[in-house]
């Protein structure tokens, strides 16, 4: 399963596809493979393609205000919030998904959830670090918890199911990046709680009528395209093999 879930996507993302096409062009002397490699690379590196793919994911759950949330038992902040490799005691280095943490803390502080839940990486570092950050922001210790070490979103769903059963949670706010929320909601539907989706970290740029800049290839757009495609492949994986 690890091969299909983690390794296989590397070969069907733009960089992997382009690499294979270039190898074919060099080995078989197929000119069409070289041309197709250029088309794939340039196309996937444009804002037009990247934003369209991201928007198809992010539109599933529109942005909402904290005030629109009902009162919930807990708010779960999905991982991937901190940059990996941070040594204890150093200044916190956040990833692009820092809004997940900010939203989780604010939801508790505004009384929409009784406790904010974090998960850790397999080494157990991120969850504990996020808990410390929440305490420094003024969240009482009894309103924070680390529910377990995880390796992926499916693990997070399993940990929430276990924790919810132990603590009698019925309604939980699920905070994650907007582009990740469709896949997360699919996995968490078996957690045995009522989920309140709360998307943050929107990456798609507003539709600006396709200005010329959106057609110029750039590395940032390529990264966005691969991010969106990974999510699409992940959902396809679960559709074929089950959640």
C-alpha atoms as a PDB file:
ATOM      1  CA  UNK A   1       0.000   0.000   0.000  1.00  0.00           C
ATOM      2  CA  UNK A   2       2.896   2.357   0.716  1.00  0.00           C
ATOM      3  CA  UNK A   3       4.034   1.998  -2.900  1.00  0.00           C
ATOM      4  CA  UNK A   4       0.616   2.925  -4.300  1.00  0.00           C
ATOM      5  CA  UNK A   5      -0.021   5.654  -1.736  1.00  0.00           C
ATOM      6  CA  UNK A   6       3.377   7.354  -1.555  1.00  0.00           C
ATOM      7  CA  UNK A   7       5.783   6.190  -4.255  1.00  0.00           C
ATOM      8  CA  UNK A   8       3.609   5.683  -7.326  1.00  0.00           C
ATOM      9  CA  UNK A   9       2.348   9.303  -7.415  1.00  0.00           C
ATOM     10  CA  UNK A  10       5.942  10.480  -7.903  1.00  0.00           C
ATOM     11  CA  UNK A  11       5.921   8.848 -11.333  1.00  0.00           C
ATOM     12  CA  UNK A  12       2.570  10.283 -12.429  1.00  0.00           C
ATOM     13  CA  UNK A  13       3.175  13.863 -11.332  1.00  0.00           C
ATOM     14  CA  UNK A  14       4.511  16.351 -13.900  1.00  0.00           C
ATOM     15  CA  UNK A  15       8.183  16.055 -12.882  1.00  0.00           C
ATOM     16  CA  UNK A  16       8.018  12.257 -12.977  1.00  0.00           C
ATOM     17  CA  UNK A  17       6.175  12.223 -16.301  1.00  0.00           C
ATOM     18  CA  UNK A  18       8.632  14.680 -17.851  1.00  0.00           C
ATOM     19  CA  UNK A  19      11.598  12.651 -16.604  1.00  0.00           C
ATOM     20  CA  UNK A  20      10.220   9.435 -18.101  1.00  0.00           C
ATOM     21  CA  UNK A  21       9.482  11.156 -21.413  1.00  0.00           C
ATOM     22  CA  UNK A  22      12.996  12.582 -21.600  1.00  0.00           C
ATOM     23  CA  UNK A  23      14.464   9.136 -20.932  1.00  0.00           C
ATOM     24  CA  UNK A  24      12.292   7.689 -23.701  1.00  0.00           C
ATOM     25  CA  UNK A  25      13.338  10.448 -26.070  1.00  0.00           C
ATOM     26  CA  UNK A  26      17.016   9.819 -25.367  1.00  0.00           C
ATOM     27  CA  UNK A  27      16.768   6.016 -25.463  1.00  0.00           C
ATOM     28  CA  UNK A  28      14.371   5.448 -28.345  1.00  0.00           C
ATOM     29  CA  UNK A  29      15.152   8.653 -30.228  1.00  0.00           C
ATOM     30  CA  UNK A  30      11.440   9.501 -30.131  1.00  0.00           C
ATOM     31  CA  UNK A  31      11.114  13.161 -30.955  1.00  0.00           C
ATOM     32  CA  UNK A  32       7.446  13.197 -29.986  1.00  0.00           C
ATOM     33  CA  UNK A  33       8.406  12.199 -26.425  1.00  0.00           C
ATOM     34  CA  UNK A  34      10.696  15.214 -26.116  1.00  0.00           C
ATOM     35  CA  UNK A  35       8.000  17.526 -27.471  1.00  0.00           C
ATOM     36  CA  UNK A  36       5.404  16.066 -25.101  1.00  0.00           C
ATOM     37  CA  UNK A  37       7.811  16.505 -22.174  1.00  0.00           C
ATOM     38  CA  UNK A  38       8.090  20.212 -22.954  1.00  0.00           C
ATOM     39  CA  UNK A  39       4.311  20.556 -23.269  1.00  0.00           C
ATOM     40  CA  UNK A  40       3.678  18.800 -19.944  1.00  0.00           C
ATOM     41  CA  UNK A  41       6.344  20.819 -18.125  1.00  0.00           C
ATOM     42  CA  UNK A  42       5.257  24.189 -19.491  1.00  0.00           C
ATOM     43  CA  UNK A  43       1.547  23.502 -19.103  1.00  0.00           C
ATOM     44  CA  UNK A  44       1.773  22.293 -15.515  1.00  0.00           C
ATOM     45  CA  UNK A  45       3.963  25.284 -14.633  1.00  0.00           C
ATOM     46  CA  UNK A  46       1.342  27.898 -15.515  1.00  0.00           C
ATOM     47  CA  UNK A  47      -0.965  29.638 -13.084  1.00  0.00           C
ATOM     48  CA  UNK A  48      -3.896  28.806 -15.342  1.00  0.00           C
ATOM     49  CA  UNK A  49      -3.512  25.060 -14.768  1.00  0.00           C
ATOM     50  CA  UNK A  50      -2.370  25.263 -11.143  1.00  0.00           C
ATOM     51  CA  UNK A  51      -5.182  27.540  -9.993  1.00  0.00           C
ATOM     52  CA  UNK A  52      -7.833  25.577 -11.894  1.00  0.00           C
ATOM     53  CA  UNK A  53      -6.774  22.326 -10.223  1.00  0.00           C
ATOM     54  CA  UNK A  54      -6.570  23.869  -6.760  1.00  0.00           C
ATOM     55  CA  UNK A  55      -9.878  25.662  -7.184  1.00  0.00           C
ATOM     56  CA  UNK A  56     -11.583  22.367  -8.065  1.00  0.00           C
ATOM     57  CA  UNK A  57     -10.552  21.087  -4.620  1.00  0.00           C
ATOM     58  CA  UNK A  58     -10.984  24.251  -2.572  1.00  0.00           C
ATOM     59  CA  UNK A  59     -14.461  25.063  -3.866  1.00  0.00           C
ATOM     60  CA  UNK A  60     -15.837  21.921  -2.193  1.00  0.00           C
ATOM     61  CA  UNK A  61     -15.813  23.665   1.204  1.00  0.00           C
ATOM     62  CA  UNK A  62     -16.031  27.474   1.038  1.00  0.00           C
ATOM     63  CA  UNK A  63     -14.331  29.649   3.629  1.00  0.00           C
ATOM     64  CA  UNK A  64     -16.379  30.292   6.751  1.00  0.00           C
ATOM     65  CA  UNK A  65     -16.106  32.476   9.828  1.00  0.00           C
ATOM     66  CA  UNK A  66     -15.468  31.193  13.328  1.00  0.00           C
ATOM     67  CA  UNK A  67     -18.707  32.826  14.388  1.00  0.00           C
ATOM     68  CA  UNK A  68     -20.659  30.577  12.016  1.00  0.00           C
ATOM     69  CA  UNK A  69     -19.580  27.446  13.896  1.00  0.00           C
ATOM     70  CA  UNK A  70     -21.924  25.802  16.398  1.00  0.00           C
ATOM     71  CA  UNK A  71     -20.584  24.901  19.816  1.00  0.00           C
ATOM     72  CA  UNK A  72     -18.418  21.789  19.507  1.00  0.00           C
ATOM     73  CA  UNK A  73     -16.705  19.359  21.837  1.00  0.00           C
ATOM     74  CA  UNK A  74     -13.283  19.802  20.233  1.00  0.00           C
ATOM     75  CA  UNK A  75     -11.339  21.196  17.309  1.00  0.00           C
ATOM     76  CA  UNK A  76      -8.779  18.961  15.601  1.00  0.00           C
ATOM     77  CA  UNK A  77      -5.824  20.623  13.889  1.00  0.00           C
ATOM     78  CA  UNK A  78      -4.355  18.322  11.253  1.00  0.00           C
ATOM     79  CA  UNK A  79      -0.565  18.050  11.122  1.00  0.00           C
ATOM     80  CA  UNK A  80       1.988  19.449   8.712  1.00  0.00           C
ATOM     81  CA  UNK A  81       1.959  22.841  10.417  1.00  0.00           C
ATOM     82  CA  UNK A  82       5.616  23.107  11.398  1.00  0.00           C
ATOM     83  CA  UNK A  83       8.698  22.849   9.245  1.00  0.00           C
ATOM     84  CA  UNK A  84      10.404  19.485   9.868  1.00  0.00           C
ATOM     85  CA  UNK A  85      13.692  19.229  11.686  1.00  0.00           C
ATOM     86  CA  UNK A  86      13.184  22.023  14.213  1.00  0.00           C
ATOM     87  CA  UNK A  87      15.396  21.591  17.276  1.00  0.00           C
ATOM     88  CA  UNK A  88      13.776  22.130  20.702  1.00  0.00           C
ATOM     89  CA  UNK A  89      14.304  25.623  22.067  1.00  0.00           C
ATOM     90  CA  UNK A  90      14.797  27.320  18.708  1.00  0.00           C
ATOM     91  CA  UNK A  91      12.438  29.872  17.217  1.00  0.00           C
ATOM     92  CA  UNK A  92       9.370  28.153  15.769  1.00  0.00           C
ATOM     93  CA  UNK A  93       9.594  27.596  12.026  1.00  0.00           C
ATOM     94  CA  UNK A  94       6.151  27.318  10.488  1.00  0.00           C
ATOM     95  CA  UNK A  95       5.179  25.680   7.222  1.00  0.00           C
ATOM     96  CA  UNK A  96       2.794  27.254   4.723  1.00  0.00           C
ATOM     97  CA  UNK A  97      -0.075  25.592   6.597  1.00  0.00           C
ATOM     98  CA  UNK A  98       0.383  27.652   9.790  1.00  0.00           C
ATOM     99  CA  UNK A  99      -3.227  28.881   9.427  1.00  0.00           C
ATOM    100  CA  UNK A 100      -4.350  25.456  10.665  1.00  0.00           C
ATOM    101  CA  UNK A 101      -2.793  26.144  14.064  1.00  0.00           C
ATOM    102  CA  UNK A 102      -3.971  29.755  14.206  1.00  0.00           C
ATOM    103  CA  UNK A 103      -7.553  28.756  13.427  1.00  0.00           C
ATOM    104  CA  UNK A 104      -7.566  25.946  15.983  1.00  0.00           C
ATOM    105  CA  UNK A 105      -6.366  28.223  18.777  1.00  0.00           C
ATOM    106  CA  UNK A 106      -8.829  30.984  17.879  1.00  0.00           C
ATOM    107  CA  UNK A 107     -11.759  28.563  17.748  1.00  0.00           C
ATOM    108  CA  UNK A 108     -11.055  27.469  21.331  1.00  0.00           C
ATOM    109  CA  UNK A 109     -10.383  30.989  22.566  1.00  0.00           C
ATOM    110  CA  UNK A 110     -13.699  32.185  21.134  1.00  0.00           C
ATOM    111  CA  UNK A 111     -15.585  29.423  22.921  1.00  0.00           C
ATOM    112  CA  UNK A 112     -16.612  27.403  19.866  1.00  0.00           C
ATOM    113  CA  UNK A 113     -14.796  24.278  21.108  1.00  0.00           C
ATOM    114  CA  UNK A 114     -13.829  23.059  24.564  1.00  0.00           C
ATOM    115  CA  UNK A 115     -10.429  21.642  23.629  1.00  0.00           C
ATOM    116  CA  UNK A 116      -7.949  21.891  20.757  1.00  0.00           C
ATOM    117  CA  UNK A 117      -6.457  18.576  19.634  1.00  0.00           C
ATOM    118  CA  UNK A 118      -3.103  18.090  17.934  1.00  0.00           C
ATOM    119  CA  UNK A 119      -1.441  15.062  16.385  1.00  0.00           C
ATOM    120  CA  UNK A 120       2.275  14.337  16.254  1.00  0.00           C
ATOM    121  CA  UNK A 121       4.635  12.937  13.662  1.00  0.00           C
ATOM    122  CA  UNK A 122       6.029   9.422  14.298  1.00  0.00           C
ATOM    123  CA  UNK A 123       8.727  10.956  16.525  1.00  0.00           C
ATOM    124  CA  UNK A 124       6.017  12.705  18.532  1.00  0.00           C
ATOM    125  CA  UNK A 125       7.584  16.153  18.151  1.00  0.00           C
ATOM    126  CA  UNK A 126       5.067  18.299  16.250  1.00  0.00           C
ATOM    127  CA  UNK A 127       2.027  17.631  18.423  1.00  0.00           C
ATOM    128  CA  UNK A 128       3.879  18.459  21.635  1.00  0.00           C
ATOM    129  CA  UNK A 129       5.450  21.547  20.074  1.00  0.00           C
ATOM    130  CA  UNK A 130       2.058  22.797  18.919  1.00  0.00           C
ATOM    131  CA  UNK A 131       0.627  22.188  22.369  1.00  0.00           C
ATOM    132  CA  UNK A 132       3.414  24.326  23.863  1.00  0.00           C
ATOM    133  CA  UNK A 133       2.703  27.059  21.326  1.00  0.00           C
ATOM    134  CA  UNK A 134      -0.993  26.992  22.248  1.00  0.00           C
ATOM    135  CA  UNK A 135      -0.133  27.304  25.941  1.00  0.00           C
ATOM    136  CA  UNK A 136       2.068  30.304  25.149  1.00  0.00           C
ATOM    137  CA  UNK A 137      -0.898  31.862  23.333  1.00  0.00           C
ATOM    138  CA  UNK A 138      -2.920  31.641  26.541  1.00  0.00           C
ATOM    139  CA  UNK A 139      -4.914  28.450  25.972  1.00  0.00           C
ATOM    140  CA  UNK A 140      -5.330  26.641  29.343  1.00  0.00           C
ATOM    141  CA  UNK A 141      -3.535  23.292  29.563  1.00  0.00           C
ATOM    142  CA  UNK A 142      -6.790  21.428  30.210  1.00  0.00           C
ATOM    143  CA  UNK A 143      -8.068  22.776  26.884  1.00  0.00           C
ATOM    144  CA  UNK A 144      -5.253  21.213  24.844  1.00  0.00           C
ATOM    145  CA  UNK A 145      -4.367  17.602  24.088  1.00  0.00           C
ATOM    146  CA  UNK A 146      -2.069  15.574  21.840  1.00  0.00           C
ATOM    147  CA  UNK A 147      -4.025  12.544  20.701  1.00  0.00           C
ATOM    148  CA  UNK A 148      -1.179  10.447  19.316  1.00  0.00           C
ATOM    149  CA  UNK A 149       1.625  10.070  16.806  1.00  0.00           C
ATOM    150  CA  UNK A 150       0.572   9.663  13.186  1.00  0.00           C
ATOM    151  CA  UNK A 151       2.141   9.160   9.793  1.00  0.00           C
ATOM    152  CA  UNK A 152      -0.636  10.320   7.480  1.00  0.00           C
ATOM    153  CA  UNK A 153      -4.219  11.581   7.371  1.00  0.00           C
ATOM    154  CA  UNK A 154      -5.676   8.089   7.703  1.00  0.00           C
ATOM    155  CA  UNK A 155      -3.745   7.679  10.960  1.00  0.00           C
ATOM    156  CA  UNK A 156      -5.141  10.987  12.197  1.00  0.00           C
ATOM    157  CA  UNK A 157      -8.677   9.785  11.509  1.00  0.00           C
ATOM    158  CA  UNK A 158      -8.003   6.572  13.431  1.00  0.00           C
ATOM    159  CA  UNK A 159      -6.564   8.498  16.371  1.00  0.00           C
ATOM    160  CA  UNK A 160      -9.580  10.813  16.488  1.00  0.00           C
ATOM    161  CA  UNK A 161     -11.941   7.835  16.450  1.00  0.00           C
ATOM    162  CA  UNK A 162     -10.088   6.302  19.404  1.00  0.00           C
ATOM    163  CA  UNK A 163      -9.895   9.573  21.347  1.00  0.00           C
ATOM    164  CA  UNK A 164     -13.527  10.489  20.670  1.00  0.00           C
ATOM    165  CA  UNK A 165     -14.714   7.118  21.956  1.00  0.00           C
ATOM    166  CA  UNK A 166     -12.629   7.475  25.117  1.00  0.00           C
ATOM    167  CA  UNK A 167     -13.735  11.040  25.880  1.00  0.00           C
ATOM    168  CA  UNK A 168     -17.296  11.042  24.580  1.00  0.00           C
ATOM    169  CA  UNK A 169     -16.788  13.573  21.794  1.00  0.00           C
ATOM    170  CA  UNK A 170     -19.829  14.035  19.571  1.00  0.00           C
ATOM    171  CA  UNK A 171     -19.091  17.104  17.433  1.00  0.00           C
ATOM    172  CA  UNK A 172     -15.611  18.089  16.245  1.00  0.00           C
ATOM    173  CA  UNK A 173     -14.344  20.955  14.096  1.00  0.00           C
ATOM    174  CA  UNK A 174     -11.916  19.630  11.488  1.00  0.00           C
ATOM    175  CA  UNK A 175      -9.299  22.233  10.548  1.00  0.00           C
ATOM    176  CA  UNK A 176      -7.022  21.688   7.593  1.00  0.00           C
ATOM    177  CA  UNK A 177      -5.972  23.300   4.329  1.00  0.00           C
ATOM    178  CA  UNK A 178      -8.828  23.915   1.905  1.00  0.00           C
ATOM    179  CA  UNK A 179      -7.174  21.828  -0.827  1.00  0.00           C
ATOM    180  CA  UNK A 180      -6.765  18.918   1.625  1.00  0.00           C
ATOM    181  CA  UNK A 181     -10.244  19.046   3.134  1.00  0.00           C
ATOM    182  CA  UNK A 182     -12.138  16.923   0.546  1.00  0.00           C
ATOM    183  CA  UNK A 183      -9.808  13.955   1.104  1.00  0.00           C
ATOM    184  CA  UNK A 184      -9.701  14.512   4.860  1.00  0.00           C
ATOM    185  CA  UNK A 185     -13.494  14.572   5.157  1.00  0.00           C
ATOM    186  CA  UNK A 186     -13.689  11.288   3.271  1.00  0.00           C
ATOM    187  CA  UNK A 187     -11.263   9.647   5.688  1.00  0.00           C
ATOM    188  CA  UNK A 188     -12.767  11.147   8.839  1.00  0.00           C
ATOM    189  CA  UNK A 189     -16.346  10.144   8.052  1.00  0.00           C
ATOM    190  CA  UNK A 190     -15.691   6.867   9.905  1.00  0.00           C
ATOM    191  CA  UNK A 191     -14.441   8.599  13.052  1.00  0.00           C
ATOM    192  CA  UNK A 192     -17.850   8.318  14.704  1.00  0.00           C
ATOM    193  CA  UNK A 193     -18.357  12.051  15.282  1.00  0.00           C
ATOM    194  CA  UNK A 194     -20.237  14.884  13.600  1.00  0.00           C
ATOM    195  CA  UNK A 195     -17.663  16.870  11.639  1.00  0.00           C
ATOM    196  CA  UNK A 196     -17.673  20.627  11.170  1.00  0.00           C
ATOM    197  CA  UNK A 197     -15.284  21.333   8.252  1.00  0.00           C
ATOM    198  CA  UNK A 198     -13.221  24.500   8.634  1.00  0.00           C
ATOM    199  CA  UNK A 199     -10.979  25.170   5.624  1.00  0.00           C
ATOM    200  CA  UNK A 200      -7.940  27.460   5.813  1.00  0.00           C
ATOM    201  CA  UNK A 201      -4.743  27.964   3.805  1.00  0.00           C
ATOM    202  CA  UNK A 202      -6.394  28.609   0.446  1.00  0.00           C
ATOM    203  CA  UNK A 203      -3.741  28.428  -2.294  1.00  0.00           C
ATOM    204  CA  UNK A 204      -5.689  29.138  -5.501  1.00  0.00           C
ATOM    205  CA  UNK A 205      -5.436  32.750  -6.610  1.00  0.00           C
ATOM    206  CA  UNK A 206      -8.701  34.592  -7.338  1.00  0.00           C
ATOM    207  CA  UNK A 207      -9.947  34.334 -10.893  1.00  0.00           C
ATOM    208  CA  UNK A 208      -8.491  37.435 -12.535  1.00  0.00           C
ATOM    209  CA  UNK A 209      -9.769  36.824 -16.036  1.00  0.00           C
ATOM    210  CA  UNK A 210      -6.646  34.927 -17.115  1.00  0.00           C
ATOM    211  CA  UNK A 211      -4.124  37.798 -17.405  1.00  0.00           C
ATOM    212  CA  UNK A 212      -0.955  37.154 -19.358  1.00  0.00           C
ATOM    213  CA  UNK A 213       1.066  36.502 -16.190  1.00  0.00           C
ATOM    214  CA  UNK A 214      -0.993  33.374 -15.520  1.00  0.00           C
ATOM    215  CA  UNK A 215       0.314  31.896 -18.763  1.00  0.00           C
ATOM    216  CA  UNK A 216       3.995  32.364 -17.927  1.00  0.00           C
ATOM    217  CA  UNK A 217       5.526  29.136 -16.543  1.00  0.00           C
ATOM    218  CA  UNK A 218       7.067  29.380 -13.075  1.00  0.00           C
ATOM    219  CA  UNK A 219       8.246  27.049 -10.315  1.00  0.00           C
ATOM    220  CA  UNK A 220       5.566  28.173  -7.861  1.00  0.00           C
ATOM    221  CA  UNK A 221       2.758  27.163 -10.190  1.00  0.00           C
ATOM    222  CA  UNK A 222       4.425  23.805 -10.860  1.00  0.00           C
ATOM    223  CA  UNK A 223       4.517  23.139  -7.110  1.00  0.00           C
ATOM    224  CA  UNK A 224       0.822  24.033  -6.831  1.00  0.00           C
ATOM    225  CA  UNK A 225      -0.053  21.731  -9.730  1.00  0.00           C
ATOM    226  CA  UNK A 226       1.769  18.814  -8.123  1.00  0.00           C
ATOM    227  CA  UNK A 227       0.133  19.569  -4.762  1.00  0.00           C
ATOM    228  CA  UNK A 228      -3.344  19.467  -6.302  1.00  0.00           C
ATOM    229  CA  UNK A 229      -2.615  16.342  -8.338  1.00  0.00           C
ATOM    230  CA  UNK A 230      -1.359  14.513  -5.239  1.00  0.00           C
ATOM    231  CA  UNK A 231      -4.690  15.183  -3.570  1.00  0.00           C
ATOM    232  CA  UNK A 232      -6.595  14.015  -6.648  1.00  0.00           C
ATOM    233  CA  UNK A 233      -4.520  10.838  -6.856  1.00  0.00           C
ATOM    234  CA  UNK A 234      -5.053  10.268  -3.133  1.00  0.00           C
ATOM    235  CA  UNK A 235      -8.823  10.440  -3.520  1.00  0.00           C
ATOM    236  CA  UNK A 236      -8.627   8.126  -6.530  1.00  0.00           C
ATOM    237  CA  UNK A 237      -6.582   5.673  -4.454  1.00  0.00           C
ATOM    238  CA  UNK A 238      -9.228   5.575  -1.720  1.00  0.00           C
ATOM    239  CA  UNK A 239     -12.000   5.253  -4.296  1.00  0.00           C
ATOM    240  CA  UNK A 240     -10.329   2.151  -5.756  1.00  0.00           C
ATOM    241  CA  UNK A 241      -8.894   0.489  -2.649  1.00  0.00           C
ATOM    242  CA  UNK A 242     -11.262   1.843  -0.007  1.00  0.00           C
ATOM    243  CA  UNK A 243     -10.725   4.199   2.905  1.00  0.00           C
END
